[in-house]
Protein backbone atom coordinates (compact mmCIF):
# COMPACT_ATOMS: atom_id res chain seq x y z
CA MET A 1 50.36 -0.04 96.22
CA ARG A 2 47.00 0.01 96.68
CA GLY A 3 44.25 2.87 96.80
CA PHE A 4 41.84 4.69 95.87
CA LYS A 5 41.13 7.08 93.00
CA VAL A 6 37.64 8.86 91.63
CA ALA A 7 35.90 6.38 89.02
CA LYS A 8 35.20 7.97 85.23
CA GLY A 9 32.55 10.25 85.66
CA TYR A 10 32.82 12.03 88.69
CA ASP A 11 34.30 14.69 90.00
CA ASN A 12 35.24 16.62 93.25
CA ILE A 13 34.62 13.08 94.99
CA PRO A 14 37.15 12.79 98.59
CA LEU A 15 39.39 10.15 98.96
CA PRO A 16 38.50 8.22 101.74
CA GLN A 17 40.92 8.48 104.95
CA ARG A 18 41.06 6.59 108.36
CA SER A 19 39.85 8.72 110.92
CA THR A 20 42.62 7.61 113.54
CA ASP A 21 45.88 6.61 113.81
CA HIS A 22 44.64 3.33 114.71
CA SER A 23 41.41 2.85 112.94
CA ALA A 24 41.44 -0.09 110.58
CA GLY A 25 39.13 0.92 107.95
CA TYR A 26 39.17 4.08 105.37
CA ASP A 27 35.74 5.88 105.40
CA ILE A 28 33.48 5.73 102.55
CA GLU A 29 31.07 8.75 101.97
CA ILE A 30 28.29 8.87 99.53
CA CYS A 31 28.22 10.71 96.45
CA GLU A 32 24.76 11.63 96.27
CA THR A 33 22.25 12.48 98.34
CA ILE A 34 20.08 8.95 98.34
CA THR A 35 16.68 8.10 99.89
CA VAL A 36 16.04 4.58 100.63
CA GLN A 37 12.27 3.34 101.25
CA PRO A 38 10.84 0.99 104.06
CA LYS A 39 12.31 -2.87 103.62
CA THR A 40 13.72 -2.00 99.98
CA ILE A 41 17.93 -2.73 98.94
CA ILE A 42 19.74 0.48 97.04
CA ARG A 43 22.75 1.16 95.89
CA ALA A 44 24.52 3.98 96.88
CA LYS A 45 27.21 5.33 94.63
CA THR A 46 30.81 6.58 96.13
CA GLY A 47 32.11 7.60 92.79
CA LEU A 48 35.54 5.72 93.44
CA LYS A 49 37.31 3.09 92.75
CA ALA A 50 39.89 0.90 94.59
CA TYR A 51 43.13 -0.51 92.83
CA MET A 52 45.33 -2.97 95.00
CA GLN A 53 47.20 -6.27 94.69
CA PRO A 54 46.64 -9.75 93.20
CA ASP A 55 46.36 -11.46 96.20
CA GLU A 56 44.47 -8.54 97.99
CA VAL A 57 40.72 -7.71 98.88
CA LEU A 58 38.54 -4.37 99.45
CA GLN A 59 36.23 -5.72 102.48
CA ILE A 60 33.01 -2.79 102.97
CA TYR A 61 31.93 -3.12 106.24
CA PRO A 62 28.84 -0.39 107.73
CA ARG A 63 30.06 2.34 110.17
CA SER A 64 28.71 1.19 113.37
CA SER A 65 26.49 4.36 113.42
CA LEU A 66 24.51 3.25 110.29
CA PRO A 67 21.59 1.04 111.63
CA GLU A 68 21.06 3.74 114.99
CA LYS A 69 21.11 7.08 112.50
CA PHE A 70 19.52 5.94 109.54
CA GLY A 71 18.10 2.14 110.13
CA LEU A 72 20.09 0.97 107.44
CA THR A 73 22.73 -1.61 106.57
CA ILE A 74 24.79 -3.76 104.08
CA PRO A 75 22.33 -6.47 103.47
CA ASN A 76 24.76 -9.36 102.68
CA ASN A 77 27.04 -7.75 106.03
CA VAL A 78 30.45 -7.43 103.92
CA GLY A 79 31.19 -6.18 100.61
CA ILE A 80 33.95 -7.61 98.34
CA ILE A 81 35.89 -6.13 95.69
CA ASP A 82 38.24 -8.05 93.94
CA ALA A 83 41.59 -6.69 92.39
CA ASP A 84 40.26 -7.40 89.30
CA TYR A 85 37.23 -5.44 89.46
CA TYR A 86 39.42 -2.30 89.03
CA GLU A 87 39.60 -0.71 85.61
CA ASN A 88 38.75 -4.37 83.78
CA PRO A 89 37.70 -4.49 80.02
CA GLU A 90 34.17 -3.48 80.49
CA ASN A 91 34.05 -1.71 84.02
CA ASP A 92 35.94 1.48 85.12
CA GLY A 93 35.78 -0.02 88.70
CA ALA A 94 32.87 2.42 90.31
CA ILE A 95 31.96 0.73 93.70
CA PHE A 96 28.78 1.01 94.81
CA ILE A 97 27.26 0.70 98.23
CA GLN A 98 24.38 -1.94 99.05
CA LEU A 99 21.84 -0.36 101.82
CA TYR A 100 19.15 -2.18 103.31
CA ASN A 101 16.56 -0.33 105.09
CA PHE A 102 15.04 -2.59 107.76
CA THR A 103 12.66 -0.02 108.99
CA ASP A 104 9.41 0.93 108.44
CA ARG A 105 10.46 4.41 107.92
CA VAL A 106 11.75 6.47 104.78
CA ALA A 107 15.73 6.82 105.25
CA THR A 108 17.56 10.00 103.41
CA ILE A 109 21.02 10.36 103.59
CA GLU A 110 22.73 13.63 102.32
CA LYS A 111 25.60 13.45 100.43
CA GLY A 112 29.11 13.41 101.74
CA THR A 113 27.62 10.75 104.86
CA ARG A 114 30.31 8.13 105.60
CA ILE A 115 28.58 5.38 105.58
CA ALA A 116 30.75 2.61 105.49
CA GLN A 117 34.48 1.75 106.13
CA GLY A 118 36.71 -0.25 103.49
CA ILE A 119 39.81 -2.71 104.82
CA PHE A 120 42.09 -3.78 102.54
CA VAL A 121 43.36 -7.38 103.46
CA LYS A 122 45.43 -10.47 102.25
CA TYR A 123 43.91 -13.45 101.08
CA LEU A 124 45.60 -17.18 101.18
CA LYS A 125 44.35 -19.70 98.32
CA THR A 126 44.34 -23.33 98.82
CA ASP A 127 47.34 -25.98 97.84
CA GLY A 128 47.16 -26.32 94.02
CA ASP A 129 44.61 -23.26 93.20
CA ASN A 130 46.56 -22.16 90.16
CA GLY A 131 43.35 -19.82 89.11
CA ASN A 132 40.85 -21.11 86.35
CA GLY A 133 42.29 -18.58 83.73
CA LYS A 134 39.70 -16.57 83.33
CA ARG A 135 39.22 -12.84 83.79
CA ARG A 136 36.67 -10.74 84.58
CA ALA A 137 34.52 -7.91 82.48
CA GLY A 138 31.95 -6.29 84.06
CA GLY A 139 30.92 -4.46 86.80
CA PHE A 140 28.46 -5.24 89.96
CA GLY A 141 27.66 -9.23 90.22
CA SER A 142 29.51 -9.78 86.74
CA THR A 143 30.99 -13.23 88.64
CA GLY A 144 27.29 -14.49 88.56
CA SER A 145 24.79 -15.10 90.85
């Protein structure tokens, strides 16, 4: 089982959909209008959370139109949402998408604009990796720097 739900504190958030039958990614919208100053990074709210199997990850990529239309990109090129980010003891799992404005002009994006796409992927572990017994507690950046 895997999918999206609306995070606590948000209402009327549309769940991501694939644009075509052969699209790999689920288009993700922002849930409020944002302004990104030149050469800065912000966290855009989606109002979503994602659930998945323990051996899966949700990868967040910028939509191909994001740089051309807005002069924005995801600064680390891909966001990673781990399975234990969802409803852990100190965090509901609300997904934020970092955006970097690489231009010299202010960028404004309206609520409801599709800025990213999420792709669920299974991952593999190395031989002998039985985990380290640690459990996530917290939200964005909670596993350290």
